[in-house]
Amino acid sequence: MNEVTAYILLALGFSSILLWLMRPARNYVQTGRSSVRQTIDQALESVAPHHYRYYPQVRQALSAGDLEYLRKAAPPHVAKKAIRERREVARHFLSGLYEDFSKLERLARMVAALSPVVSREQETERLLLGLRFRLLYAAVWLRLSLGPVPLLQLGELTNLVGRLAVRMEQAMANINALSAERFPRGLNA
């Protein structure tokens, strides 16, 4: 057995075990291709990022124009309360971004384990991206706690998560294509 075949078999075994462990507890048995596809979709959904998609709404709610309008249109106590609540929403969004990034990092490690070739440059880039995200996250969290809302840095964090999500989709598509090339078409169950 050559190395590529061994890697593919190892990747399939790892994927099978991962999918089996991530399957939902059910009282009934599903059969057929749709259940396999559903299981794969559920496994991918559990590691897919969700929070970063809400940045446009958060950016609008925290924009200077929106806050200025709120100060002019609402009574002072209502405006202060709304601003406090919006900062709290920003904190929740920030923790959601951290959760998204953590899920994507986990997925990146799984993809790297399944990939037959992972270069040092790719691993170094992944580590530096994680370090950059964590440092920027800490700076945004600190600024959010102490002063004005750092919309530019929050946007940069969101872009980091979005770019990593796109890269993971591309990497998974590449692995999927590689697997499709390696296996004969007649193995349909």
C-alpha atoms as a PDB file:
ATOM      1  CA  MET A   1       0.000   0.000   0.000  1.00  0.00           C
ATOM      2  CA  ASN A   2       1.442   3.351  -0.944  1.00  0.00           C
ATOM      3  CA  GLU A   3       1.440   6.406   1.309  1.00  0.00           C
ATOM      4  CA  VAL A   4      -1.404   8.229  -0.449  1.00  0.00           C
ATOM      5  CA  THR A   5      -3.740   5.273  -0.059  1.00  0.00           C
ATOM      6  CA  ALA A   6      -2.783   4.981   3.593  1.00  0.00           C
ATOM      7  CA  TYR A   7      -3.489   8.680   4.154  1.00  0.00           C
ATOM      8  CA  ILE A   8      -6.837   8.440   2.428  1.00  0.00           C
ATOM      9  CA  LEU A   9      -7.845   5.384   4.449  1.00  0.00           C
ATOM     10  CA  LEU A  10      -6.706   7.098   7.638  1.00  0.00           C
ATOM     11  CA  ALA A  11      -8.672  10.221   6.705  1.00  0.00           C
ATOM     12  CA  LEU A  12     -11.781   8.190   5.965  1.00  0.00           C
ATOM     13  CA  GLY A  13     -11.453   6.316   9.239  1.00  0.00           C
ATOM     14  CA  PHE A  14     -10.971   9.527  11.195  1.00  0.00           C
ATOM     15  CA  SER A  15     -13.915  11.161   9.406  1.00  0.00           C
ATOM     16  CA  SER A  16     -16.126   8.158  10.075  1.00  0.00           C
ATOM     17  CA  ILE A  17     -15.283   8.120  13.769  1.00  0.00           C
ATOM     18  CA  LEU A  18     -15.786  11.897  13.988  1.00  0.00           C
ATOM     19  CA  LEU A  19     -19.173  11.707  12.282  1.00  0.00           C
ATOM     20  CA  TRP A  20     -20.230   8.774  14.445  1.00  0.00           C
ATOM     21  CA  LEU A  21     -19.280  10.672  17.612  1.00  0.00           C
ATOM     22  CA  MET A  22     -21.084  13.804  16.466  1.00  0.00           C
ATOM     23  CA  ARG A  23     -24.308  12.068  15.464  1.00  0.00           C
ATOM     24  CA  PRO A  24     -27.406  13.108  17.378  1.00  0.00           C
ATOM     25  CA  ALA A  25     -29.088  10.648  19.690  1.00  0.00           C
ATOM     26  CA  ARG A  26     -32.191   9.320  17.973  1.00  0.00           C
ATOM     27  CA  ASN A  27     -34.946   6.940  18.964  1.00  0.00           C
ATOM     28  CA  TYR A  28     -35.377   5.745  15.415  1.00  0.00           C
ATOM     29  CA  VAL A  29     -33.060   4.509  12.701  1.00  0.00           C
ATOM     30  CA  GLN A  30     -32.668   6.376   9.437  1.00  0.00           C
ATOM     31  CA  THR A  31     -31.464   4.615   6.334  1.00  0.00           C
ATOM     32  CA  GLY A  32     -30.291   5.619   2.897  1.00  0.00           C
ATOM     33  CA  ARG A  33     -28.168   8.364   1.431  1.00  0.00           C
ATOM     34  CA  SER A  34     -30.261  11.202   2.845  1.00  0.00           C
ATOM     35  CA  SER A  35     -29.401  10.183   6.416  1.00  0.00           C
ATOM     36  CA  VAL A  36     -25.673  10.144   5.629  1.00  0.00           C
ATOM     37  CA  ARG A  37     -25.916  13.543   3.965  1.00  0.00           C
ATOM     38  CA  GLN A  38     -27.964  14.829   6.893  1.00  0.00           C
ATOM     39  CA  THR A  39     -25.332  13.578   9.352  1.00  0.00           C
ATOM     40  CA  ILE A  40     -22.539  15.263   7.398  1.00  0.00           C
ATOM     41  CA  ASP A  41     -24.532  18.501   7.213  1.00  0.00           C
ATOM     42  CA  GLN A  42     -25.146  18.423  10.965  1.00  0.00           C
ATOM     43  CA  ALA A  43     -21.460  17.786  11.678  1.00  0.00           C
ATOM     44  CA  LEU A  44     -20.422  20.693   9.454  1.00  0.00           C
ATOM     45  CA  GLU A  45     -23.118  22.919  10.964  1.00  0.00           C
ATOM     46  CA  SER A  46     -21.672  22.334  14.434  1.00  0.00           C
ATOM     47  CA  VAL A  47     -18.317  23.814  13.387  1.00  0.00           C
ATOM     48  CA  ALA A  48     -19.642  26.458  10.992  1.00  0.00           C
ATOM     49  CA  PRO A  49     -19.312  30.072  12.098  1.00  0.00           C
ATOM     50  CA  HIS A  50     -22.542  32.023  12.600  1.00  0.00           C
ATOM     51  CA  HIS A  51     -21.907  35.202  14.548  1.00  0.00           C
ATOM     52  CA  TYR A  52     -19.666  37.034  12.092  1.00  0.00           C
ATOM     53  CA  ARG A  53     -22.577  37.327   9.656  1.00  0.00           C
ATOM     54  CA  TYR A  54     -24.334  39.800  11.983  1.00  0.00           C
ATOM     55  CA  TYR A  55     -21.619  42.441  11.779  1.00  0.00           C
ATOM     56  CA  PRO A  56     -23.603  44.813   9.512  1.00  0.00           C
ATOM     57  CA  GLN A  57     -26.413  45.015  12.077  1.00  0.00           C
ATOM     58  CA  VAL A  58     -23.978  45.481  14.974  1.00  0.00           C
ATOM     59  CA  ARG A  59     -22.036  48.127  13.033  1.00  0.00           C
ATOM     60  CA  GLN A  60     -25.265  50.042  12.337  1.00  0.00           C
ATOM     61  CA  ALA A  61     -26.396  49.880  15.958  1.00  0.00           C
ATOM     62  CA  LEU A  62     -23.011  51.127  17.192  1.00  0.00           C
ATOM     63  CA  SER A  63     -22.375  53.736  14.507  1.00  0.00           C
ATOM     64  CA  ALA A  64     -21.747  57.310  15.558  1.00  0.00           C
ATOM     65  CA  GLY A  65     -24.712  58.565  13.520  1.00  0.00           C
ATOM     66  CA  ASP A  66     -27.082  56.117  15.158  1.00  0.00           C
ATOM     67  CA  LEU A  67     -25.866  57.011  18.644  1.00  0.00           C
ATOM     68  CA  GLU A  68     -26.120  60.736  17.862  1.00  0.00           C
ATOM     69  CA  TYR A  69     -29.687  60.302  16.650  1.00  0.00           C
ATOM     70  CA  LEU A  70     -30.522  58.357  19.801  1.00  0.00           C
ATOM     71  CA  ARG A  71     -29.127  61.131  22.006  1.00  0.00           C
ATOM     72  CA  LYS A  72     -31.189  63.755  20.157  1.00  0.00           C
ATOM     73  CA  ALA A  73     -34.461  61.842  19.804  1.00  0.00           C
ATOM     74  CA  ALA A  74     -34.744  60.013  23.129  1.00  0.00           C
ATOM     75  CA  PRO A  75     -34.861  61.302  26.699  1.00  0.00           C
ATOM     76  CA  PRO A  76     -31.438  61.194  28.397  1.00  0.00           C
ATOM     77  CA  HIS A  77     -32.193  58.229  30.656  1.00  0.00           C
ATOM     78  CA  VAL A  78     -33.563  56.196  27.729  1.00  0.00           C
ATOM     79  CA  ALA A  79     -30.569  57.093  25.549  1.00  0.00           C
ATOM     80  CA  LYS A  80     -28.092  56.067  28.279  1.00  0.00           C
ATOM     81  CA  LYS A  81     -29.905  52.781  28.815  1.00  0.00           C
ATOM     82  CA  ALA A  82     -29.983  52.080  25.061  1.00  0.00           C
ATOM     83  CA  ILE A  83     -26.279  52.857  24.726  1.00  0.00           C
ATOM     84  CA  ARG A  84     -25.477  50.531  27.651  1.00  0.00           C
ATOM     85  CA  GLU A  85     -27.557  47.775  26.068  1.00  0.00           C
ATOM     86  CA  ARG A  86     -25.872  48.262  22.709  1.00  0.00           C
ATOM     87  CA  ARG A  87     -22.456  47.971  24.322  1.00  0.00           C
ATOM     88  CA  GLU A  88     -23.656  44.732  25.911  1.00  0.00           C
ATOM     89  CA  VAL A  89     -24.757  43.517  22.474  1.00  0.00           C
ATOM     90  CA  ALA A  90     -21.268  44.397  21.205  1.00  0.00           C
ATOM     91  CA  ARG A  91     -19.727  42.316  24.026  1.00  0.00           C
ATOM     92  CA  HIS A  92     -21.952  39.359  23.114  1.00  0.00           C
ATOM     93  CA  PHE A  93     -21.048  39.786  19.450  1.00  0.00           C
ATOM     94  CA  LEU A  94     -17.369  39.864  20.394  1.00  0.00           C
ATOM     95  CA  SER A  95     -17.661  36.634  22.373  1.00  0.00           C
ATOM     96  CA  GLY A  96     -19.581  35.142  19.433  1.00  0.00           C
ATOM     97  CA  LEU A  97     -16.701  36.053  17.123  1.00  0.00           C
ATOM     98  CA  TYR A  98     -14.321  34.295  19.498  1.00  0.00           C
ATOM     99  CA  GLU A  99     -16.548  31.224  19.416  1.00  0.00           C
ATOM    100  CA  ASP A 100     -16.649  31.330  15.598  1.00  0.00           C
ATOM    101  CA  PHE A 101     -12.874  31.619  15.391  1.00  0.00           C
ATOM    102  CA  SER A 102     -12.382  28.762  17.852  1.00  0.00           C
ATOM    103  CA  LYS A 103     -14.669  26.515  15.802  1.00  0.00           C
ATOM    104  CA  LEU A 104     -12.825  27.405  12.623  1.00  0.00           C
ATOM    105  CA  GLU A 105      -9.467  26.736  14.277  1.00  0.00           C
ATOM    106  CA  ARG A 106     -10.705  23.319  15.340  1.00  0.00           C
ATOM    107  CA  LEU A 107     -11.887  22.668  11.792  1.00  0.00           C
ATOM    108  CA  ALA A 108      -8.518  23.850  10.423  1.00  0.00           C
ATOM    109  CA  ARG A 109      -6.742  21.322  12.629  1.00  0.00           C
ATOM    110  CA  MET A 110      -9.038  18.549  11.382  1.00  0.00           C
ATOM    111  CA  VAL A 111      -8.525  19.573   7.758  1.00  0.00           C
ATOM    112  CA  ALA A 112      -4.753  19.697   8.283  1.00  0.00           C
ATOM    113  CA  ALA A 113      -4.874  16.207   9.781  1.00  0.00           C
ATOM    114  CA  LEU A 114      -6.838  14.933   6.774  1.00  0.00           C
ATOM    115  CA  SER A 115      -4.708  16.692   4.210  1.00  0.00           C
ATOM    116  CA  PRO A 116      -1.948  14.553   2.699  1.00  0.00           C
ATOM    117  CA  VAL A 117       0.434  17.525   2.486  1.00  0.00           C
ATOM    118  CA  VAL A 118       0.581  20.362   4.988  1.00  0.00           C
ATOM    119  CA  SER A 119       3.524  22.712   4.650  1.00  0.00           C
ATOM    120  CA  ARG A 120       5.299  24.462   7.466  1.00  0.00           C
ATOM    121  CA  GLU A 121       4.302  27.760   5.888  1.00  0.00           C
ATOM    122  CA  GLN A 122       0.620  26.852   6.156  1.00  0.00           C
ATOM    123  CA  GLU A 123       0.979  25.811   9.783  1.00  0.00           C
ATOM    124  CA  THR A 124       2.957  28.955  10.599  1.00  0.00           C
ATOM    125  CA  GLU A 125       0.350  31.089   8.857  1.00  0.00           C
ATOM    126  CA  ARG A 126      -2.426  29.401  10.853  1.00  0.00           C
ATOM    127  CA  LEU A 127      -0.566  29.973  14.136  1.00  0.00           C
ATOM    128  CA  LEU A 128       0.135  33.629  13.306  1.00  0.00           C
ATOM    129  CA  LEU A 129      -3.496  34.170  12.347  1.00  0.00           C
ATOM    130  CA  GLY A 130      -4.576  32.724  15.708  1.00  0.00           C
ATOM    131  CA  LEU A 131      -2.125  34.954  17.550  1.00  0.00           C
ATOM    132  CA  ARG A 132      -3.240  38.026  15.590  1.00  0.00           C
ATOM    133  CA  PHE A 133      -6.898  37.261  16.295  1.00  0.00           C
ATOM    134  CA  ARG A 134      -6.320  36.805  20.027  1.00  0.00           C
ATOM    135  CA  LEU A 135      -4.286  39.992  20.372  1.00  0.00           C
ATOM    136  CA  LEU A 136      -6.831  42.019  18.428  1.00  0.00           C
ATOM    137  CA  TYR A 137      -9.647  40.398  20.414  1.00  0.00           C
ATOM    138  CA  ALA A 138      -8.008  41.424  23.692  1.00  0.00           C
ATOM    139  CA  ALA A 139      -7.498  44.994  22.444  1.00  0.00           C
ATOM    140  CA  VAL A 140     -11.115  45.283  21.291  1.00  0.00           C
ATOM    141  CA  TRP A 141     -12.435  43.806  24.527  1.00  0.00           C
ATOM    142  CA  LEU A 142     -10.344  46.244  26.559  1.00  0.00           C
ATOM    143  CA  ARG A 143     -11.392  49.276  24.494  1.00  0.00           C
ATOM    144  CA  LEU A 144     -15.012  48.182  24.608  1.00  0.00           C
ATOM    145  CA  SER A 145     -14.826  47.929  28.390  1.00  0.00           C
ATOM    146  CA  LEU A 146     -13.072  51.252  28.931  1.00  0.00           C
ATOM    147  CA  GLY A 147     -14.185  53.659  26.270  1.00  0.00           C
ATOM    148  CA  PRO A 148     -15.676  54.209  22.856  1.00  0.00           C
ATOM    149  CA  VAL A 149     -16.726  51.275  20.716  1.00  0.00           C
ATOM    150  CA  PRO A 150     -13.822  50.284  18.422  1.00  0.00           C
ATOM    151  CA  LEU A 151     -15.823  49.685  15.224  1.00  0.00           C
ATOM    152  CA  LEU A 152     -12.772  49.491  12.934  1.00  0.00           C
ATOM    153  CA  GLN A 153     -11.084  46.819  15.027  1.00  0.00           C
ATOM    154  CA  LEU A 154     -14.376  44.960  15.443  1.00  0.00           C
ATOM    155  CA  GLY A 155     -14.688  44.998  11.654  1.00  0.00           C
ATOM    156  CA  GLU A 156     -11.133  43.708  11.309  1.00  0.00           C
ATOM    157  CA  LEU A 157     -11.898  40.826  13.692  1.00  0.00           C
ATOM    158  CA  THR A 158     -15.012  40.020  11.685  1.00  0.00           C
ATOM    159  CA  ASN A 159     -12.984  40.031   8.467  1.00  0.00           C
ATOM    160  CA  LEU A 160     -10.436  37.641   9.980  1.00  0.00           C
ATOM    161  CA  VAL A 161     -13.198  35.196  10.866  1.00  0.00           C
ATOM    162  CA  GLY A 162     -14.814  35.566   7.444  1.00  0.00           C
ATOM    163  CA  ARG A 163     -11.550  35.000   5.574  1.00  0.00           C
ATOM    164  CA  LEU A 164     -10.768  31.938   7.672  1.00  0.00           C
ATOM    165  CA  ALA A 165     -14.255  30.573   6.965  1.00  0.00           C
ATOM    166  CA  VAL A 166     -13.716  30.992   3.217  1.00  0.00           C
ATOM    167  CA  ARG A 167     -10.287  29.335   3.416  1.00  0.00           C
ATOM    168  CA  MET A 168     -11.741  26.390   5.316  1.00  0.00           C
ATOM    169  CA  GLU A 169     -14.469  25.948   2.703  1.00  0.00           C
ATOM    170  CA  GLN A 170     -11.820  25.949  -0.033  1.00  0.00           C
ATOM    171  CA  ALA A 171      -9.623  23.477   1.842  1.00  0.00           C
ATOM    172  CA  MET A 172     -12.545  21.135   2.444  1.00  0.00           C
ATOM    173  CA  ALA A 173     -13.533  21.357  -1.235  1.00  0.00           C
ATOM    174  CA  ASN A 174      -9.941  20.495  -2.211  1.00  0.00           C
ATOM    175  CA  ILE A 175      -9.880  17.483   0.101  1.00  0.00           C
ATOM    176  CA  ASN A 176     -13.278  16.411  -1.177  1.00  0.00           C
ATOM    177  CA  ALA A 177     -12.070  16.676  -4.782  1.00  0.00           C
ATOM    178  CA  LEU A 178      -8.913  14.738  -3.962  1.00  0.00           C
ATOM    179  CA  SER A 179     -10.952  12.006  -2.296  1.00  0.00           C
ATOM    180  CA  ALA A 180     -13.342  11.846  -5.278  1.00  0.00           C
ATOM    181  CA  GLU A 181     -10.396  11.389  -7.649  1.00  0.00           C
ATOM    182  CA  ARG A 182      -8.863   8.603  -5.565  1.00  0.00           C
ATOM    183  CA  PHE A 183     -11.934   6.411  -5.148  1.00  0.00           C
ATOM    184  CA  PRO A 184     -13.588   4.455  -7.948  1.00  0.00           C
ATOM    185  CA  ARG A 185     -17.077   5.513  -8.944  1.00  0.00           C
ATOM    186  CA  GLY A 186     -18.554   2.031  -8.450  1.00  0.00           C
ATOM    187  CA  LEU A 187     -18.472   2.070  -4.636  1.00  0.00           C
ATOM    188  CA  ASN A 188     -21.992   3.445  -4.183  1.00  0.00           C
ATOM    189  CA  ALA A 189     -23.847   1.725  -1.384  1.00  0.00           C
END
